[in-house]
Amino acid sequence: MPDSIKQYHTIGCCGIDCGLCPRYHAKGDSACPGCGGPDFKLKHPSCGFLTCCAIKHGLEVCAECEEFPCKRFDSERQGYDSFVTHQQVFPNQAAIKSEGLCCFLEKQHQRIGILKHYLEHYDDGRSKGFFCLATALLPIEHLIKTEREVGQTAHTADVQSRCKALRTQLEAEADNLGIELKLRTKA
């Protein structure tokens, strides 16, 4: 197995939440090792963010660079991308700049733990993408509260019923917060 290019694969150099992406949690050929992880260059051979940030400058994330945000972020500034984890690029970079990478990773790993719990106990085989969206976009305290509320009543239900209950609660939380839990489309 080839060496990793960077230490923390769950956060992209660009700020993408790799650890909250469905491909990071996929099995088989479609699985992605996360940013700079083993065999990353086979999946994403031309990632300019990784080349500049990690390979040329030896950094984990672009927020650590004095030139951030550089012209590489021009397309991100336009605000349209159906890949929802891109929505968090600038908020993630801002959090890393203000709180530090270790603090950010601690919170991100908490989100990843919540996602793994959802996938293990609530996934009906068709909800991985939705759970990834929810854990990437909703505040942590809302994710924990929602699972606690659903978990109290759904522990004996079948997986489809548990999944439906959790999805319904997460959608209600998102609606209350004005967060859209679906892919973006061009207007």
Protein backbone atom coordinates (compact mmCIF):
# COMPACT_ATOMS: atom_id res chain seq x y z
CA MET A 1 0.00 0.00 0.00
CA PRO A 2 1.48 3.37 -0.97
CA ASP A 3 2.29 5.86 1.76
CA SER A 4 -0.13 8.57 2.69
CA ILE A 5 0.57 12.05 1.35
CA LYS A 6 -0.79 13.78 4.46
CA GLN A 7 -1.59 12.82 8.02
CA TYR A 8 -5.30 13.69 8.32
CA HIS A 9 -7.35 12.11 5.52
CA THR A 10 -10.77 13.09 6.86
CA ILE A 11 -10.28 16.75 5.94
CA GLY A 12 -9.34 17.78 2.43
CA CYS A 13 -6.60 20.32 1.82
CA CYS A 14 -9.38 22.40 0.27
CA GLY A 15 -11.62 22.04 3.34
CA ILE A 16 -13.95 19.29 2.10
CA ASP A 17 -15.22 17.00 4.86
CA CYS A 18 -13.83 13.79 3.35
CA GLY A 19 -14.72 11.83 6.49
CA LEU A 20 -18.38 12.77 6.01
CA CYS A 21 -18.53 11.79 2.33
CA PRO A 22 -20.42 8.68 1.19
CA ARG A 23 -17.39 7.56 -0.85
CA TYR A 24 -15.20 7.60 2.27
CA HIS A 25 -17.61 5.09 3.84
CA ALA A 26 -18.13 3.04 0.66
CA LYS A 27 -16.90 -0.49 0.10
CA GLY A 28 -15.15 -1.70 -3.03
CA ASP A 29 -13.86 0.24 -6.02
CA SER A 30 -15.86 3.39 -5.34
CA ALA A 31 -14.32 3.86 -1.88
CA CYS A 32 -12.12 6.92 -1.43
CA PRO A 33 -9.31 6.94 1.16
CA GLY A 34 -9.83 10.61 1.95
CA CYS A 35 -7.53 13.48 1.07
CA GLY A 36 -3.98 12.28 0.61
CA GLY A 37 -4.77 8.81 1.95
CA PRO A 38 -3.30 5.60 0.54
CA ASP A 39 -3.98 5.34 -3.21
CA PHE A 40 -5.59 8.82 -3.26
CA LYS A 41 -3.71 9.76 -6.44
CA LEU A 42 -5.29 6.75 -8.19
CA LYS A 43 -8.78 8.12 -7.42
CA HIS A 44 -7.98 11.81 -7.88
CA PRO A 45 -4.82 12.09 -9.99
CA SER A 46 -5.04 15.78 -10.72
CA CYS A 47 -6.02 17.39 -7.41
CA GLY A 48 -4.34 20.79 -7.54
CA PHE A 49 -5.22 21.52 -3.91
CA LEU A 50 -3.34 18.45 -2.70
CA THR A 51 -0.38 19.10 -4.98
CA CYS A 52 0.01 22.70 -3.86
CA CYS A 53 -0.91 22.39 -0.19
CA ALA A 54 0.48 19.04 0.93
CA ILE A 55 3.12 18.12 -1.64
CA LYS A 56 4.66 21.52 -2.40
CA HIS A 57 4.12 23.25 0.96
CA GLY A 58 3.91 20.32 3.41
CA LEU A 59 0.63 21.56 4.92
CA GLU A 60 -2.49 19.64 5.93
CA VAL A 61 -5.05 22.25 4.85
CA CYS A 62 -5.02 25.42 2.82
CA ALA A 63 -6.06 27.48 5.87
CA GLU A 64 -2.51 26.98 7.16
CA CYS A 65 -1.10 28.78 4.10
CA GLU A 66 -0.31 32.50 4.16
CA GLU A 67 -1.84 32.86 0.67
CA PHE A 68 -5.23 31.37 1.61
CA PRO A 69 -7.65 31.85 -0.07
CA CYS A 70 -5.77 31.81 -3.34
CA LYS A 71 -7.10 31.67 -6.91
CA ARG A 72 -7.66 27.89 -6.56
CA PHE A 73 -10.76 28.79 -4.55
CA ASP A 74 -12.34 30.92 -7.29
CA SER A 75 -14.77 28.17 -8.31
CA GLU A 76 -15.70 27.55 -4.66
CA ARG A 77 -16.49 31.26 -4.23
CA GLN A 78 -19.16 30.99 -6.95
CA GLY A 79 -21.21 28.93 -4.51
CA TYR A 80 -22.58 26.26 -6.83
CA ASP A 81 -21.58 22.67 -6.49
CA SER A 82 -23.91 19.70 -6.21
CA PHE A 83 -21.30 17.93 -4.06
CA VAL A 84 -22.70 19.08 -0.73
CA THR A 85 -19.53 18.64 1.30
CA HIS A 86 -18.21 21.58 -0.76
CA GLN A 87 -20.70 23.80 1.10
CA GLN A 88 -18.48 23.55 4.15
CA VAL A 89 -15.17 24.44 2.44
CA PHE A 90 -15.01 28.04 3.66
CA PRO A 91 -16.64 27.46 7.07
CA ASN A 92 -14.22 24.57 7.69
CA GLN A 93 -11.19 26.63 6.64
CA ALA A 94 -12.39 29.53 8.84
CA ALA A 95 -12.80 27.20 11.82
CA ILE A 96 -9.31 25.80 11.27
CA LYS A 97 -7.85 29.30 11.04
CA SER A 98 -9.62 30.54 14.19
CA GLU A 99 -9.60 27.42 16.41
CA GLY A 100 -6.68 25.45 15.02
CA LEU A 101 -6.53 22.16 13.17
CA CYS A 102 -6.57 19.95 16.28
CA CYS A 103 -9.76 21.55 17.63
CA PHE A 104 -11.41 21.29 14.21
CA LEU A 105 -10.43 17.62 13.85
CA GLU A 106 -11.80 16.82 17.29
CA LYS A 107 -15.20 18.21 16.30
CA GLN A 108 -15.03 16.55 12.88
CA HIS A 109 -14.23 13.17 14.45
CA GLN A 110 -17.27 13.62 16.70
CA ARG A 111 -19.36 14.14 13.54
CA ILE A 112 -17.78 11.06 11.94
CA GLY A 113 -18.62 9.03 15.06
CA ILE A 114 -22.24 10.18 14.85
CA LEU A 115 -22.32 9.28 11.14
CA LYS A 116 -20.89 5.81 11.83
CA HIS A 117 -23.54 5.30 14.51
CA TYR A 118 -26.28 6.34 12.07
CA LEU A 119 -24.91 4.01 9.39
CA GLU A 120 -24.61 1.10 11.79
CA HIS A 121 -28.02 1.43 13.47
CA TYR A 122 -30.28 3.32 11.06
CA ASP A 123 -29.15 2.81 7.46
CA ASP A 124 -31.74 1.02 5.36
CA GLY A 125 -29.25 0.54 2.53
CA ARG A 126 -30.38 3.69 0.72
CA SER A 127 -29.74 6.45 3.26
CA LYS A 128 -25.97 6.73 3.48
CA GLY A 129 -25.85 9.87 1.35
CA PHE A 130 -28.60 11.51 3.38
CA PHE A 131 -26.89 10.72 6.68
CA CYS A 132 -23.61 12.08 5.29
CA LEU A 133 -25.37 15.32 4.34
CA ALA A 134 -27.04 15.64 7.72
CA THR A 135 -23.85 15.07 9.69
CA ALA A 136 -21.92 17.51 7.50
CA LEU A 137 -24.48 20.32 7.62
CA LEU A 138 -26.40 20.16 10.91
CA PRO A 139 -24.90 21.43 14.17
CA ILE A 140 -23.46 18.63 16.31
CA GLU A 141 -25.80 19.27 19.23
CA HIS A 142 -28.82 18.83 16.92
CA LEU A 143 -27.45 15.55 15.59
CA ILE A 144 -26.97 14.20 19.11
CA LYS A 145 -30.38 15.44 20.32
CA THR A 146 -32.18 13.98 17.29
CA GLU A 147 -30.60 10.54 17.63
CA ARG A 148 -31.29 10.54 21.39
CA GLU A 149 -34.97 11.35 20.78
CA VAL A 150 -35.37 8.76 18.02
CA GLY A 151 -33.26 6.16 19.83
CA GLN A 152 -35.55 6.20 22.87
CA THR A 153 -38.53 5.10 20.84
CA ALA A 154 -37.01 3.17 17.95
CA HIS A 155 -34.65 0.71 19.66
CA THR A 156 -36.97 -2.26 19.03
CA ALA A 157 -38.20 -1.26 15.57
CA ASP A 158 -36.89 -2.77 12.35
CA VAL A 159 -34.18 -0.89 10.45
CA GLN A 160 -36.59 0.62 7.91
CA SER A 161 -38.76 2.07 10.68
CA ARG A 162 -35.71 3.35 12.59
CA CYS A 163 -34.33 4.92 9.41
CA LYS A 164 -37.62 6.61 8.57
CA ALA A 165 -37.94 7.98 12.10
CA LEU A 166 -34.39 9.37 12.11
CA ARG A 167 -34.70 10.84 8.62
CA THR A 168 -37.98 12.53 9.57
CA GLN A 169 -36.43 14.04 12.71
CA LEU A 170 -33.26 15.18 10.90
CA GLU A 171 -35.35 16.78 8.13
CA ALA A 172 -37.46 18.58 10.75
CA GLU A 173 -34.31 19.87 12.48
CA ALA A 174 -32.92 21.02 9.13
CA ASP A 175 -36.17 22.78 8.24
CA ASN A 176 -36.21 24.55 11.62
CA LEU A 177 -32.65 25.75 11.00
CA GLY A 178 -33.21 26.67 7.34
CA ILE A 179 -30.74 24.03 6.14
CA GLU A 180 -31.41 22.14 2.91
CA LEU A 181 -30.50 18.44 3.10
CA LYS A 182 -30.33 17.67 -0.60
CA LEU A 183 -28.05 18.19 -3.55
CA ARG A 184 -27.92 21.65 -5.02
CA THR A 185 -29.22 22.24 -8.49
CA LYS A 186 -28.56 25.14 -10.82
CA ALA A 187 -31.29 27.74 -10.88
